[in-house]
Amino acid sequence: MAKRYYKTSRYYESVVVLKPTLSEEEVSKRVQEIKDYISKKGGEVISLTDWGLKQLAYRINHFNSGRYFIIQIKSSNTQLPNELDFYYKINEDVIRWLNFQVSEKEVSTHA
């Protein structure tokens, strides 16, 4: 009997810290660019939460604070976290990020 493989969706969370020196207009533009990139790579943004300006535990690129965003994503593209890592790495306005897989239950309780 042949094995069947189903393309199922996975859920991810992406924590992104932007430079604190960005204006509101620049922040909105960067967030929209991130959402567009996720869509382009086959992901769907379930929710996006702005945690605002927070103090960093230690200096990163000469910044003591950063603008935090939590993005919940649904995607069948298993390479999406790696692609987001690359995208964040080349984006000068992103000073720190973390991508990780979560369960569907965790996404629905935080959304």
Protein backbone atom coordinates (compact mmCIF):
# COMPACT_ATOMS: atom_id res chain seq x y z
CA MET A 1 0.00 0.00 0.00
CA ALA A 2 1.40 3.39 -1.00
CA LYS A 3 1.92 6.03 1.65
CA ARG A 4 -0.19 9.14 1.43
CA TYR A 5 1.29 12.53 2.12
CA TYR A 6 -0.93 15.47 2.88
CA LYS A 7 0.16 19.04 2.68
CA THR A 8 -0.99 20.36 6.03
CA SER A 9 -0.68 23.83 7.41
CA ARG A 10 1.64 24.68 10.23
CA TYR A 11 1.44 27.57 12.61
CA TYR A 12 4.29 29.90 13.43
CA GLU A 13 4.94 32.93 15.58
CA SER A 14 7.42 35.57 14.60
CA VAL A 15 8.65 38.10 17.15
CA VAL A 16 10.18 41.11 15.42
CA VAL A 17 11.97 44.06 17.02
CA LEU A 18 12.29 47.19 14.88
CA LYS A 19 14.59 50.17 15.44
CA PRO A 20 13.13 52.63 17.97
CA THR A 21 14.14 55.60 15.78
CA LEU A 22 11.60 54.80 13.03
CA SER A 23 8.65 57.17 12.58
CA GLU A 24 5.09 55.82 12.75
CA GLU A 25 4.89 56.02 8.96
CA GLU A 26 8.12 54.04 8.55
CA VAL A 27 6.96 51.44 11.09
CA SER A 28 3.67 50.99 9.21
CA LYS A 29 5.56 50.62 5.94
CA ARG A 30 7.96 47.99 7.37
CA VAL A 31 5.12 46.01 8.94
CA GLN A 32 3.21 46.03 5.63
CA GLU A 33 6.36 44.87 3.81
CA ILE A 34 6.71 41.97 6.26
CA LYS A 35 3.04 40.99 5.79
CA ASP A 36 3.41 41.16 2.00
CA TYR A 37 6.55 38.99 2.14
CA ILE A 38 4.76 36.38 4.26
CA SER A 39 1.86 36.30 1.76
CA LYS A 40 4.28 36.09 -1.18
CA LYS A 41 5.94 33.04 0.42
CA GLY A 42 2.63 31.21 0.88
CA GLY A 43 1.81 32.26 4.43
CA GLU A 44 -1.28 33.84 5.93
CA VAL A 45 -1.02 36.40 8.73
CA ILE A 46 -3.56 35.35 11.36
CA SER A 47 -2.84 38.20 13.75
CA LEU A 48 -0.35 40.97 14.25
CA THR A 49 0.10 42.53 17.69
CA ASP A 50 2.04 45.72 18.33
CA TRP A 51 3.63 45.52 21.79
CA GLY A 52 5.01 49.01 21.38
CA LEU A 53 8.36 50.39 22.48
CA LYS A 54 10.05 48.18 25.08
CA GLN A 55 13.37 48.33 26.87
CA LEU A 56 15.89 45.73 25.65
CA ALA A 57 17.69 43.50 28.14
CA TYR A 58 20.99 44.58 26.56
CA ARG A 59 22.13 46.98 23.85
CA ILE A 60 21.67 45.81 20.27
CA ASN A 61 23.31 47.86 17.51
CA HIS A 62 23.62 50.81 19.91
CA PHE A 63 19.89 50.73 20.78
CA ASN A 64 18.54 50.35 24.33
CA SER A 65 14.92 49.87 23.22
CA GLY A 66 12.97 48.53 20.27
CA ARG A 67 9.47 48.38 18.78
CA TYR A 68 8.10 44.84 19.31
CA PHE A 69 5.64 43.01 17.05
CA ILE A 70 4.19 39.51 17.42
CA ILE A 71 3.01 37.97 14.13
CA GLN A 72 1.01 34.74 14.06
CA ILE A 73 1.23 32.91 10.75
CA LYS A 74 -0.43 29.90 9.10
CA SER A 75 1.47 28.29 6.22
CA SER A 76 1.98 24.99 4.44
CA ASN A 77 5.43 26.22 3.38
CA THR A 78 7.76 24.45 5.82
CA GLN A 79 10.65 26.68 4.71
CA LEU A 80 8.86 29.88 5.73
CA PRO A 81 10.77 30.33 9.03
CA ASN A 82 14.10 30.04 7.17
CA GLU A 83 12.93 32.46 4.50
CA LEU A 84 11.80 34.93 7.17
CA ASP A 85 15.19 34.62 8.89
CA PHE A 86 16.88 35.63 5.64
CA TYR A 87 14.43 38.49 5.05
CA TYR A 88 14.89 39.88 8.57
CA LYS A 89 18.66 39.52 8.34
CA ILE A 90 18.91 41.75 5.25
CA ASN A 91 16.39 44.31 6.53
CA GLU A 92 18.35 47.10 8.26
CA ASP A 93 15.34 48.24 10.32
CA VAL A 94 14.96 44.85 12.05
CA ILE A 95 17.36 44.65 15.00
CA ARG A 96 16.24 41.28 16.41
CA TRP A 97 13.79 38.50 15.53
CA LEU A 98 12.72 35.02 16.55
CA ASN A 99 10.62 32.55 14.55
CA PHE A 100 9.17 29.39 16.04
CA GLN A 101 6.49 26.80 15.36
CA VAL A 102 3.45 26.71 17.65
CA SER A 103 0.40 24.48 17.92
CA GLU A 104 -2.97 25.49 16.52
CA LYS A 105 -4.30 25.70 20.07
CA GLU A 106 -1.63 28.23 21.03
CA VAL A 107 -2.45 30.42 18.04
CA SER A 108 -6.18 30.49 18.71
CA THR A 109 -5.70 31.37 22.39
CA HIS A 110 -3.36 34.29 21.66
CA ALA A 111 -5.23 35.73 18.67
